[in-house]
Amino acid sequence: MKEYKRHEQGVGLIIIIMILAFLLSVGLVVVTTTSTGSQVAGNVRWQQMAFTAAEAGFDASWMAIEGFFNDSAWSSFDTHYLQEPVGIDIPYDAAYFRRLTDEELLNLIGDFDNGTTPHANIIFYKQEFIPQGSGFDPRFTYTAFLIDDEAYGAAPNPGDVVLVCIGSVEMGGRLITTRLEIELAIELPGT
């Protein structure tokens, strides 16, 4: 039997501890990656639902606006823009709609928790649209309004506008949103 020198004793134990530490770190990375993957998939799913809500807002707004023009209630977009709160359509103002997050914008133009707004010219505000039982699922909503794209500094053109649609999904105290901005223009006869 081989006799070990005093400084060689315990080397095997150190090597085993290093191998176990390495395997533990690899295991933690695998567990973290696995759990993160499902969280990312969940976030992508909720974001897609918010996008679907924004698209539903666009479709409903398009039908409403088309109906206003067909019924001759509107002849242009003039006077149908969202102009309140003050500054929402002015690019250098702190309240400009493109400077705000979706959640800030929704709370600026109304009381999102209650689904009410004091401002005129909002086409839809926190509109529920997914049927559930005898009503609609309150977790899935859209908001839509028009912004004058020449509101400050450009020559006025009541024939075009920016339609803003914000889709919202409320899940477990979280609000997931997606915003669509679509430029609309009146099609003139012969064009």
N, C-alpha and C. Protein backbone atom coordinates (compact mmCIF):
# COMPACT_ATOMS: atom_id res chain seq x y z
N MET A 1 0.82 -1.16 0.00
CA MET A 1 0.00 0.00 0.00
C MET A 1 0.87 1.24 0.00
N LYS A 2 0.43 2.21 -0.84
CA LYS A 2 1.22 3.42 -0.98
C LYS A 2 0.95 4.35 0.19
N GLU A 3 1.98 4.95 0.65
CA GLU A 3 1.86 5.86 1.78
C GLU A 3 1.87 7.28 1.22
N TYR A 4 0.85 8.11 1.60
CA TYR A 4 0.74 9.48 1.10
C TYR A 4 1.50 10.42 2.02
N LYS A 5 2.10 11.40 1.36
CA LYS A 5 2.78 12.42 2.14
C LYS A 5 1.73 13.34 2.74
N ARG A 6 2.10 14.02 3.77
CA ARG A 6 1.18 14.86 4.51
C ARG A 6 0.53 15.92 3.62
N HIS A 7 1.24 16.56 2.67
CA HIS A 7 0.67 17.62 1.83
C HIS A 7 -0.22 17.07 0.71
N GLU A 8 -0.22 15.76 0.45
CA GLU A 8 -1.06 15.17 -0.58
C GLU A 8 -2.42 14.72 -0.03
N GLN A 9 -2.58 14.66 1.25
CA GLN A 9 -3.82 14.18 1.84
C GLN A 9 -4.94 15.21 1.62
N GLY A 10 -6.14 14.78 1.19
CA GLY A 10 -7.30 15.65 0.99
C GLY A 10 -7.44 16.20 -0.42
N VAL A 11 -6.49 15.91 -1.33
CA VAL A 11 -6.57 16.42 -2.71
C VAL A 11 -7.80 15.86 -3.40
N GLY A 12 -8.09 14.60 -3.19
CA GLY A 12 -9.27 13.98 -3.80
C GLY A 12 -10.56 14.64 -3.34
N LEU A 13 -10.62 15.00 -2.07
CA LEU A 13 -11.80 15.67 -1.53
C LEU A 13 -12.00 17.04 -2.20
N ILE A 14 -10.93 17.76 -2.41
CA ILE A 14 -11.00 19.08 -3.06
C ILE A 14 -11.48 18.92 -4.50
N ILE A 15 -10.98 17.92 -5.20
CA ILE A 15 -11.40 17.69 -6.59
C ILE A 15 -12.88 17.34 -6.64
N ILE A 16 -13.35 16.51 -5.73
CA ILE A 16 -14.77 16.14 -5.69
C ILE A 16 -15.64 17.37 -5.38
N ILE A 17 -15.20 18.22 -4.47
CA ILE A 17 -15.94 19.44 -4.15
C ILE A 17 -16.01 20.35 -5.37
N MET A 18 -14.93 20.48 -6.12
CA MET A 18 -14.92 21.33 -7.33
C MET A 18 -15.86 20.77 -8.39
N ILE A 19 -15.88 19.45 -8.55
CA ILE A 19 -16.77 18.83 -9.54
C ILE A 19 -18.23 19.04 -9.12
N LEU A 20 -18.53 18.85 -7.85
CA LEU A 20 -19.91 19.06 -7.37
C LEU A 20 -20.34 20.52 -7.53
N ALA A 21 -19.43 21.46 -7.27
CA ALA A 21 -19.75 22.88 -7.45
C ALA A 21 -20.05 23.18 -8.92
N PHE A 22 -19.25 22.61 -9.82
CA PHE A 22 -19.47 22.81 -11.25
C PHE A 22 -20.83 22.24 -11.67
N LEU A 23 -21.13 21.02 -11.23
CA LEU A 23 -22.42 20.41 -11.59
C LEU A 23 -23.60 21.18 -11.00
N LEU A 24 -23.44 21.71 -9.79
CA LEU A 24 -24.48 22.53 -9.18
C LEU A 24 -24.73 23.79 -9.99
N SER A 25 -23.67 24.45 -10.43
CA SER A 25 -23.84 25.68 -11.23
C SER A 25 -24.49 25.37 -12.58
N VAL A 26 -24.10 24.26 -13.20
CA VAL A 26 -24.74 23.87 -14.47
C VAL A 26 -26.22 23.58 -14.23
N GLY A 27 -26.54 22.90 -13.15
CA GLY A 27 -27.94 22.61 -12.82
C GLY A 27 -28.75 23.87 -12.59
N LEU A 28 -28.18 24.85 -11.90
CA LEU A 28 -28.88 26.13 -11.68
C LEU A 28 -29.13 26.86 -12.99
N VAL A 29 -28.16 26.85 -13.89
CA VAL A 29 -28.34 27.49 -15.20
C VAL A 29 -29.48 26.81 -15.96
N VAL A 30 -29.52 25.50 -15.94
CA VAL A 30 -30.58 24.77 -16.65
C VAL A 30 -31.95 25.09 -16.05
N VAL A 31 -32.07 25.10 -14.73
CA VAL A 31 -33.34 25.40 -14.08
C VAL A 31 -33.77 26.83 -14.39
N THR A 32 -32.84 27.79 -14.32
CA THR A 32 -33.16 29.19 -14.61
C THR A 32 -33.60 29.36 -16.06
N THR A 33 -32.88 28.73 -16.97
CA THR A 33 -33.23 28.83 -18.39
C THR A 33 -34.60 28.24 -18.66
N THR A 34 -34.89 27.12 -18.06
CA THR A 34 -36.18 26.47 -18.25
C THR A 34 -37.32 27.34 -17.74
N SER A 35 -37.18 27.90 -16.54
CA SER A 35 -38.26 28.72 -16.00
C SER A 35 -38.37 30.05 -16.73
N THR A 36 -37.26 30.62 -17.16
CA THR A 36 -37.29 31.88 -17.91
C THR A 36 -37.97 31.69 -19.26
N GLY A 37 -37.73 30.54 -19.88
CA GLY A 37 -38.34 30.27 -21.19
C GLY A 37 -39.85 30.30 -21.13
N SER A 38 -40.43 29.71 -20.10
CA SER A 38 -41.90 29.72 -19.98
C SER A 38 -42.43 31.11 -19.67
N GLN A 39 -41.66 31.90 -18.89
CA GLN A 39 -42.08 33.27 -18.62
C GLN A 39 -42.05 34.10 -19.89
N VAL A 40 -41.01 33.93 -20.70
CA VAL A 40 -40.92 34.67 -21.97
C VAL A 40 -42.08 34.29 -22.88
N ALA A 41 -42.38 32.98 -22.94
CA ALA A 41 -43.50 32.53 -23.78
C ALA A 41 -44.81 33.14 -23.29
N GLY A 42 -45.00 33.22 -21.97
CA GLY A 42 -46.20 33.83 -21.42
C GLY A 42 -46.29 35.31 -21.76
N ASN A 43 -45.17 36.02 -21.65
CA ASN A 43 -45.16 37.45 -21.98
C ASN A 43 -45.45 37.67 -23.46
N VAL A 44 -44.91 36.84 -24.32
CA VAL A 44 -45.18 36.96 -25.76
C VAL A 44 -46.67 36.72 -26.01
N ARG A 45 -47.25 35.74 -25.33
CA ARG A 45 -48.67 35.44 -25.51
C ARG A 45 -49.53 36.64 -25.09
N TRP A 46 -49.23 37.26 -23.93
CA TRP A 46 -50.01 38.40 -23.47
C TRP A 46 -49.82 39.60 -24.39
N GLN A 47 -48.60 39.79 -24.89
CA GLN A 47 -48.34 40.89 -25.81
C GLN A 47 -49.13 40.69 -27.11
N GLN A 48 -49.21 39.45 -27.58
CA GLN A 48 -49.99 39.14 -28.78
C GLN A 48 -51.47 39.41 -28.54
N MET A 49 -51.96 39.10 -27.34
CA MET A 49 -53.37 39.37 -27.03
C MET A 49 -53.63 40.88 -27.02
N ALA A 50 -52.69 41.67 -26.50
CA ALA A 50 -52.84 43.13 -26.51
C ALA A 50 -52.84 43.65 -27.94
N PHE A 51 -52.00 43.06 -28.80
CA PHE A 51 -51.98 43.46 -30.21
C PHE A 51 -53.32 43.13 -30.88
N THR A 52 -53.86 41.97 -30.56
CA THR A 52 -55.16 41.59 -31.10
C THR A 52 -56.24 42.57 -30.65
N ALA A 53 -56.17 43.01 -29.39
CA ALA A 53 -57.12 44.01 -28.88
C ALA A 53 -56.98 45.32 -29.64
N ALA A 54 -55.74 45.74 -29.92
CA ALA A 54 -55.52 46.98 -30.68
C ALA A 54 -56.09 46.85 -32.09
N GLU A 55 -55.90 45.69 -32.70
CA GLU A 55 -56.47 45.45 -34.03
C GLU A 55 -58.00 45.49 -34.00
N ALA A 56 -58.58 44.92 -32.95
CA ALA A 56 -60.04 44.96 -32.81
C ALA A 56 -60.50 46.41 -32.68
N GLY A 57 -59.73 47.23 -31.96
CA GLY A 57 -60.04 48.65 -31.84
C GLY A 57 -59.97 49.36 -33.18
N PHE A 58 -58.98 49.01 -33.98
CA PHE A 58 -58.87 49.60 -35.32
C PHE A 58 -60.08 49.21 -36.16
N ASP A 59 -60.42 47.92 -36.17
CA ASP A 59 -61.56 47.46 -36.98
C ASP A 59 -62.86 48.16 -36.57
N ALA A 60 -63.11 48.24 -35.27
CA ALA A 60 -64.34 48.90 -34.79
C ALA A 60 -64.33 50.39 -35.10
N SER A 61 -63.17 51.03 -34.95
CA SER A 61 -63.06 52.46 -35.24
C SER A 61 -63.26 52.72 -36.73
N TRP A 62 -62.66 51.87 -37.55
CA TRP A 62 -62.79 52.03 -39.00
C TRP A 62 -64.26 51.94 -39.40
N MET A 63 -64.98 50.97 -38.84
CA MET A 63 -66.40 50.83 -39.18
C MET A 63 -67.20 52.04 -38.68
N ALA A 64 -66.89 52.52 -37.49
CA ALA A 64 -67.61 53.69 -36.94
C ALA A 64 -67.34 54.93 -37.79
N ILE A 65 -66.08 55.17 -38.12
CA ILE A 65 -65.72 56.35 -38.92
C ILE A 65 -66.34 56.26 -40.31
N GLU A 66 -66.28 55.09 -40.90
CA GLU A 66 -66.89 54.90 -42.22
C GLU A 66 -68.39 55.18 -42.15
N GLY A 67 -69.03 54.74 -41.07
CA GLY A 67 -70.45 55.01 -40.88
C GLY A 67 -70.74 56.49 -40.73
N PHE A 68 -69.90 57.23 -40.00
CA PHE A 68 -70.08 58.69 -39.85
C PHE A 68 -70.02 59.39 -41.21
N PHE A 69 -69.09 58.97 -42.05
CA PHE A 69 -68.99 59.59 -43.38
C PHE A 69 -70.14 59.15 -44.29
N ASN A 70 -70.52 57.89 -44.25
CA ASN A 70 -71.62 57.41 -45.10
C ASN A 70 -72.95 58.04 -44.71
N ASP A 71 -73.15 58.30 -43.42
CA ASP A 71 -74.39 58.92 -42.94
C ASP A 71 -74.34 60.44 -43.04
N SER A 72 -73.26 60.98 -43.57
CA SER A 72 -73.03 62.42 -43.70
C SER A 72 -72.96 63.14 -42.35
N ALA A 73 -72.71 62.41 -41.29
CA ALA A 73 -72.50 63.05 -39.99
C ALA A 73 -71.15 63.77 -39.98
N TRP A 74 -70.20 63.24 -40.72
CA TRP A 74 -68.89 63.87 -40.89
C TRP A 74 -68.66 64.14 -42.36
N SER A 75 -68.02 65.27 -42.66
CA SER A 75 -67.58 65.54 -44.03
C SER A 75 -66.06 65.66 -44.09
N SER A 76 -65.44 65.76 -42.91
CA SER A 76 -63.98 65.79 -42.79
C SER A 76 -63.65 65.35 -41.36
N PHE A 77 -62.36 65.31 -41.06
CA PHE A 77 -61.95 64.96 -39.70
C PHE A 77 -61.93 66.17 -38.78
N ASP A 78 -62.09 67.36 -39.34
CA ASP A 78 -62.06 68.60 -38.56
C ASP A 78 -63.09 68.54 -37.43
N THR A 79 -62.72 68.96 -36.27
CA THR A 79 -63.52 69.00 -35.03
C THR A 79 -63.71 67.63 -34.38
N HIS A 80 -63.13 66.58 -34.95
CA HIS A 80 -63.27 65.24 -34.39
C HIS A 80 -61.98 64.73 -33.76
N TYR A 81 -60.97 65.60 -33.73
CA TYR A 81 -59.68 65.25 -33.15
C TYR A 81 -59.76 65.32 -31.63
N LEU A 82 -58.90 64.54 -30.98
CA LEU A 82 -58.74 64.66 -29.53
C LEU A 82 -57.81 65.85 -29.28
N GLN A 83 -58.30 66.88 -28.60
CA GLN A 83 -57.49 68.07 -28.32
C GLN A 83 -57.32 68.31 -26.82
N GLU A 84 -57.98 67.51 -26.02
CA GLU A 84 -57.86 67.61 -24.57
C GLU A 84 -57.45 66.25 -24.04
N PRO A 85 -56.64 66.23 -23.05
CA PRO A 85 -56.05 67.32 -22.30
C PRO A 85 -55.12 68.17 -23.17
N VAL A 86 -54.98 69.42 -22.78
CA VAL A 86 -54.18 70.37 -23.55
C VAL A 86 -52.77 69.82 -23.74
N GLY A 87 -52.29 69.89 -24.97
CA GLY A 87 -50.93 69.47 -25.29
C GLY A 87 -50.83 68.07 -25.85
N ILE A 88 -51.91 67.31 -25.84
CA ILE A 88 -51.86 65.92 -26.31
C ILE A 88 -51.47 65.82 -27.78
N ASP A 89 -51.74 66.89 -28.54
CA ASP A 89 -51.44 66.88 -29.97
C ASP A 89 -50.29 67.82 -30.35
N ILE A 90 -49.56 68.31 -29.36
CA ILE A 90 -48.46 69.26 -29.62
C ILE A 90 -47.14 68.55 -29.35
N PRO A 91 -46.33 68.34 -30.39
CA PRO A 91 -45.11 67.53 -30.26
C PRO A 91 -44.13 67.94 -29.17
N TYR A 92 -44.00 69.21 -28.86
CA TYR A 92 -43.01 69.62 -27.86
C TYR A 92 -43.58 69.66 -26.44
N ASP A 93 -44.86 69.38 -26.29
CA ASP A 93 -45.51 69.41 -24.98
C ASP A 93 -45.25 68.09 -24.23
N ALA A 94 -45.14 68.19 -22.91
CA ALA A 94 -44.91 66.99 -22.09
C ALA A 94 -46.09 66.01 -22.17
N ALA A 95 -47.29 66.50 -22.49
CA ALA A 95 -48.47 65.65 -22.59
C ALA A 95 -48.68 65.10 -24.00
N TYR A 96 -47.74 65.34 -24.92
CA TYR A 96 -47.87 64.85 -26.29
C TYR A 96 -48.02 63.33 -26.28
N PHE A 97 -48.96 62.81 -27.04
CA PHE A 97 -49.31 61.40 -26.97
C PHE A 97 -48.15 60.46 -27.28
N ARG A 98 -47.21 60.87 -28.11
CA ARG A 98 -46.07 60.01 -28.43
C ARG A 98 -44.96 60.07 -27.37
N ARG A 99 -45.05 60.97 -26.44
CA ARG A 99 -44.07 61.06 -25.34
C ARG A 99 -44.48 60.18 -24.15
N LEU A 100 -45.70 59.68 -24.18
CA LEU A 100 -46.24 58.95 -23.04
C LEU A 100 -46.29 57.45 -23.32
N THR A 101 -46.15 56.68 -22.25
CA THR A 101 -46.38 55.24 -22.39
C THR A 101 -47.88 55.03 -22.60
N ASP A 102 -48.23 53.86 -23.03
CA ASP A 102 -49.66 53.56 -23.24
C ASP A 102 -50.44 53.73 -21.94
N GLU A 103 -49.90 53.23 -20.85
CA GLU A 103 -50.60 53.32 -19.56
C GLU A 103 -50.73 54.78 -19.12
N GLU A 104 -49.69 55.59 -19.31
CA GLU A 104 -49.78 57.02 -18.97
C GLU A 104 -50.83 57.71 -19.82
N LEU A 105 -50.86 57.37 -21.10
CA LEU A 105 -51.82 57.98 -22.02
C LEU A 105 -53.26 57.59 -21.66
N LEU A 106 -53.48 56.32 -21.36
CA LEU A 106 -54.82 55.88 -20.97
C LEU A 106 -55.30 56.57 -19.71
N ASN A 107 -54.41 56.79 -18.75
CA ASN A 107 -54.79 57.47 -17.51
C ASN A 107 -54.88 58.98 -17.68
N LEU A 108 -54.17 59.54 -18.67
CA LEU A 108 -54.26 60.97 -18.94
C LEU A 108 -55.62 61.34 -19.54
N ILE A 109 -56.12 60.50 -20.43
CA ILE A 109 -57.37 60.84 -21.11
C ILE A 109 -58.60 60.32 -20.37
N GLY A 110 -58.42 59.59 -19.28
CA GLY A 110 -59.57 59.10 -18.53
C GLY A 110 -59.15 58.38 -17.26
N ASP A 111 -60.13 57.81 -16.61
CA ASP A 111 -59.90 57.00 -15.41
C ASP A 111 -59.95 55.55 -15.86
N PHE A 112 -58.80 54.96 -16.13
CA PHE A 112 -58.75 53.63 -16.72
C PHE A 112 -59.34 52.57 -15.80
N ASP A 113 -59.14 52.71 -14.49
CA ASP A 113 -59.70 51.72 -13.56
C ASP A 113 -61.22 51.66 -13.65
N ASN A 114 -61.86 52.82 -13.81
CA ASN A 114 -63.32 52.86 -13.90
C ASN A 114 -63.83 52.81 -15.33
N GLY A 115 -62.94 53.01 -16.31
CA GLY A 115 -63.36 52.96 -17.72
C GLY A 115 -64.13 54.18 -18.16
N THR A 116 -63.87 55.34 -17.52
CA THR A 116 -64.59 56.56 -17.88
C THR A 116 -63.61 57.63 -18.33
N THR A 117 -64.10 58.53 -19.17
CA THR A 117 -63.29 59.65 -19.64
C THR A 117 -64.13 60.91 -19.70
N PRO A 118 -63.57 62.04 -19.29
CA PRO A 118 -64.32 63.29 -19.36
C PRO A 118 -64.13 64.02 -20.70
N HIS A 119 -63.34 63.46 -21.59
CA HIS A 119 -62.98 64.16 -22.82
C HIS A 119 -63.87 63.77 -23.99
N ALA A 120 -64.19 64.77 -24.80
CA ALA A 120 -64.97 64.53 -26.02
C ALA A 120 -64.02 63.99 -27.10
N ASN A 121 -64.60 63.48 -28.14
CA ASN A 121 -63.88 63.02 -29.33
C ASN A 121 -63.03 61.78 -29.10
N ILE A 122 -63.35 60.99 -28.12
CA ILE A 122 -62.71 59.68 -28.00
C ILE A 122 -63.70 58.69 -28.61
N ILE A 123 -63.25 57.98 -29.60
CA ILE A 123 -64.15 57.06 -30.30
C ILE A 123 -64.55 55.91 -29.37
N PHE A 124 -63.55 55.28 -28.74
CA PHE A 124 -63.80 54.21 -27.77
C PHE A 124 -62.84 54.39 -26.60
N TYR A 125 -63.32 54.14 -25.39
CA TYR A 125 -62.44 54.18 -24.22
C TYR A 125 -62.68 52.94 -23.39
N LYS A 126 -61.65 52.13 -23.25
CA LYS A 126 -61.69 50.88 -22.50
C LYS A 126 -62.91 50.04 -22.91
N GLN A 127 -63.03 49.87 -24.21
CA GLN A 127 -64.14 49.12 -24.79
C GLN A 127 -63.87 47.62 -24.69
N GLU A 128 -64.76 46.91 -24.01
CA GLU A 128 -64.66 45.45 -23.92
C GLU A 128 -65.21 44.86 -25.22
N PHE A 129 -64.64 43.74 -25.64
CA PHE A 129 -65.07 43.20 -26.94
C PHE A 129 -65.12 41.68 -27.01
N ILE A 130 -64.61 40.97 -26.03
CA ILE A 130 -64.63 39.50 -26.07
C ILE A 130 -65.83 39.01 -25.27
N PRO A 131 -66.78 38.33 -25.94
CA PRO A 131 -67.97 37.85 -25.23
C PRO A 131 -67.61 36.87 -24.11
N GLN A 132 -68.31 37.02 -22.99
CA GLN A 132 -68.13 36.12 -21.85
C GLN A 132 -69.46 36.04 -21.11
N GLY A 133 -70.07 34.89 -21.17
CA GLY A 133 -71.38 34.73 -20.53
C GLY A 133 -72.39 35.67 -21.17
N SER A 134 -73.07 36.46 -20.34
CA SER A 134 -74.07 37.40 -20.85
C SER A 134 -73.48 38.78 -21.11
N GLY A 135 -72.19 38.95 -20.90
CA GLY A 135 -71.55 40.25 -21.12
C GLY A 135 -70.24 40.11 -21.88
N PHE A 136 -69.25 40.87 -21.44
CA PHE A 136 -67.95 40.85 -22.09
C PHE A 136 -66.86 40.69 -21.05
N ASP A 137 -65.72 40.13 -21.46
CA ASP A 137 -64.59 39.93 -20.57
C ASP A 137 -63.91 41.28 -20.31
N PRO A 138 -63.92 41.78 -19.07
CA PRO A 138 -63.37 43.11 -18.78
C PRO A 138 -61.84 43.18 -18.83
N ARG A 139 -61.17 42.05 -18.96
CA ARG A 139 -59.70 42.06 -19.01
C ARG A 139 -59.15 42.50 -20.36
N PHE A 140 -59.95 42.38 -21.41
CA PHE A 140 -59.50 42.67 -22.77
C PHE A 140 -60.26 43.87 -23.30
N THR A 141 -59.55 44.98 -23.54
CA THR A 141 -60.20 46.21 -23.99
C THR A 141 -59.37 46.92 -25.05
N TYR A 142 -60.00 47.89 -25.69
CA TYR A 142 -59.28 48.79 -26.59
C TYR A 142 -59.79 50.21 -26.40
N THR A 143 -58.92 51.14 -26.75
CA THR A 143 -59.21 52.57 -26.71
C THR A 143 -58.80 53.14 -28.06
N ALA A 144 -59.60 54.03 -28.61
CA ALA A 144 -59.28 54.61 -29.93
C ALA A 144 -59.69 56.07 -29.98
N PHE A 145 -58.84 56.88 -30.61
CA PHE A 145 -59.12 58.30 -30.79
C PHE A 145 -58.31 58.82 -31.97
N LEU A 146 -58.68 60.02 -32.42
CA LEU A 146 -58.02 60.65 -33.57
C LEU A 146 -57.12 61.79 -33.09
N ILE A 147 -55.96 61.92 -33.72
CA ILE A 147 -55.03 63.02 -33.45
C ILE A 147 -54.78 63.76 -34.75
N ASP A 148 -54.86 65.07 -34.69
CA ASP A 148 -54.57 65.93 -35.85
C ASP A 148 -53.06 65.90 -36.09
N ASP A 149 -52.63 65.33 -37.20
CA ASP A 149 -51.20 65.22 -37.47
C ASP A 149 -50.57 66.55 -37.89
N GLU A 150 -51.38 67.56 -38.11
CA GLU A 150 -50.86 68.90 -38.40
C GLU A 150 -51.25 69.87 -37.29
N ALA A 151 -51.44 69.39 -36.09
CA ALA A 151 -51.99 70.20 -35.00
C ALA A 151 -51.18 71.44 -34.70
N TYR A 152 -49.88 71.36 -34.83
CA TYR A 152 -49.11 72.52 -34.43
C TYR A 152 -47.99 72.77 -35.42
N GLY A 153 -48.09 73.85 -36.14
CA GLY A 153 -47.01 74.28 -37.02
C GLY A 153 -47.16 73.94 -38.48
N ALA A 154 -47.95 72.97 -38.84
CA ALA A 154 -48.11 72.61 -40.25
C ALA A 154 -49.43 73.19 -40.76
N ALA A 155 -49.54 73.25 -42.08
CA ALA A 155 -50.77 73.75 -42.69
C ALA A 155 -51.91 72.78 -42.37
N PRO A 156 -53.04 73.29 -41.87
CA PRO A 156 -54.15 72.41 -41.50
C PRO A 156 -54.66 71.61 -42.70
N ASN A 157 -54.97 70.35 -42.47
CA ASN A 157 -55.53 69.49 -43.50
C ASN A 157 -56.59 68.60 -42.83
N PRO A 158 -57.86 68.99 -42.91
CA PRO A 158 -58.92 68.20 -42.28
C PRO A 158 -59.21 66.90 -43.02
N GLY A 159 -58.44 66.62 -44.07
CA GLY A 159 -58.66 65.41 -44.85
C GLY A 159 -57.82 64.23 -44.41
N ASP A 160 -56.92 64.43 -43.44
CA ASP A 160 -56.15 63.30 -42.94
C ASP A 160 -55.98 63.41 -41.43
N VAL A 161 -55.67 62.27 -40.82
CA VAL A 161 -55.65 62.18 -39.37
C VAL A 161 -54.85 60.95 -38.97
N VAL A 162 -54.41 60.91 -37.72
CA VAL A 162 -53.79 59.70 -37.16
C VAL A 162 -54.80 59.04 -36.23
N LEU A 163 -55.13 57.79 -36.53
CA LEU A 163 -55.99 57.00 -35.66
C LEU A 163 -55.09 56.24 -34.69
N VAL A 164 -55.28 56.46 -33.39
CA VAL A 164 -54.49 55.79 -32.36
C VAL A 164 -55.38 54.75 -31.70
N CYS A 165 -54.92 53.50 -31.71
CA CYS A 165 -55.65 52.39 -31.08
C CYS A 165 -54.72 51.73 -30.06
N ILE A 166 -55.17 51.63 -28.82
CA ILE A 166 -54.38 51.00 -27.77
C ILE A 166 -55.14 49.77 -27.28
N GLY A 167 -54.54 48.61 -27.48
CA GLY A 167 -55.11 47.36 -26.97
C GLY A 167 -54.57 47.09 -25.58
N SER A 168 -55.42 46.63 -24.67
CA SER A 168 -55.03 46.42 -23.28
C SER A 168 -55.49 45.05 -22.79
N VAL A 169 -54.60 44.40 -22.03
CA VAL A 169 -54.92 43.15 -21.37
C VAL A 169 -54.52 43.30 -19.91
N GLU A 170 -55.48 43.09 -19.00
CA GLU A 170 -55.20 43.18 -17.57
C GLU A 170 -55.12 41.75 -17.02
N MET A 171 -53.93 41.40 -16.51
CA MET A 171 -53.70 40.07 -15.98
C MET A 171 -52.98 40.15 -14.64
N GLY A 172 -53.63 39.70 -13.60
CA GLY A 172 -53.00 39.61 -12.29
C GLY A 172 -52.38 40.91 -11.81
N GLY A 173 -53.07 42.00 -11.98
CA GLY A 173 -52.54 43.29 -11.54
C GLY A 173 -51.59 43.94 -12.52
N ARG A 174 -51.29 43.27 -13.61
CA ARG A 174 -50.42 43.83 -14.65
C ARG A 174 -51.27 44.30 -15.82
N LEU A 175 -50.82 45.39 -16.45
CA LEU A 175 -51.48 45.90 -17.65
C LEU A 175 -50.51 45.76 -18.81
N ILE A 176 -50.89 44.96 -19.80
CA ILE A 176 -50.07 44.77 -20.99
C ILE A 176 -50.77 45.51 -22.11
N THR A 177 -50.02 46.35 -22.85
CA THR A 177 -50.64 47.17 -23.89
C THR A 177 -49.85 47.10 -25.19
N THR A 178 -50.53 47.42 -26.27
CA THR A 178 -49.92 47.61 -27.58
C THR A 178 -50.63 48.77 -28.24
N ARG A 179 -49.84 49.62 -28.90
CA ARG A 179 -50.41 50.80 -29.56
C ARG A 179 -50.21 50.69 -31.07
N LEU A 180 -51.28 50.98 -31.80
CA LEU A 180 -51.21 51.11 -33.26
C LEU A 180 -51.49 52.57 -33.61
N GLU A 181 -50.74 53.10 -34.53
CA GLU A 181 -50.99 54.44 -35.06
C GLU A 181 -51.12 54.30 -36.57
N ILE A 182 -52.30 54.63 -37.09
CA ILE A 182 -52.59 54.47 -38.50
C ILE A 182 -53.00 55.82 -39.08
N GLU A 183 -52.37 56.21 -40.17
CA GLU A 183 -52.75 57.45 -40.83
C GLU A 183 -53.94 57.17 -41.74
N LEU A 184 -55.00 57.95 -41.56
CA LEU A 184 -56.20 57.84 -42.39
C LEU A 184 -56.32 59.10 -43.23
N ALA A 185 -56.80 58.93 -44.44
CA ALA A 185 -57.03 60.09 -45.32
C ALA A 185 -58.35 59.89 -46.05
N ILE A 186 -59.02 60.98 -46.29
CA ILE A 186 -60.27 60.94 -47.04
C ILE A 186 -59.93 60.76 -48.50
N GLU A 187 -60.59 59.80 -49.10
CA GLU A 187 -60.38 59.54 -50.53
C GLU A 187 -61.28 60.48 -51.31
N LEU A 188 -60.65 61.34 -52.09
CA LEU A 188 -61.40 62.30 -52.88
C LEU A 188 -61.87 61.67 -54.18
N PRO A 189 -63.04 62.08 -54.67
CA PRO A 189 -63.53 61.52 -55.95
C PRO A 189 -62.53 61.75 -57.08
N GLY A 190 -62.31 60.72 -57.87
CA GLY A 190 -61.42 60.83 -59.03
C GLY A 190 -59.96 60.57 -58.69
N THR A 191 -59.66 60.15 -57.45
CA THR A 191 -58.25 59.85 -57.10
C THR A 191 -58.05 58.39 -56.85
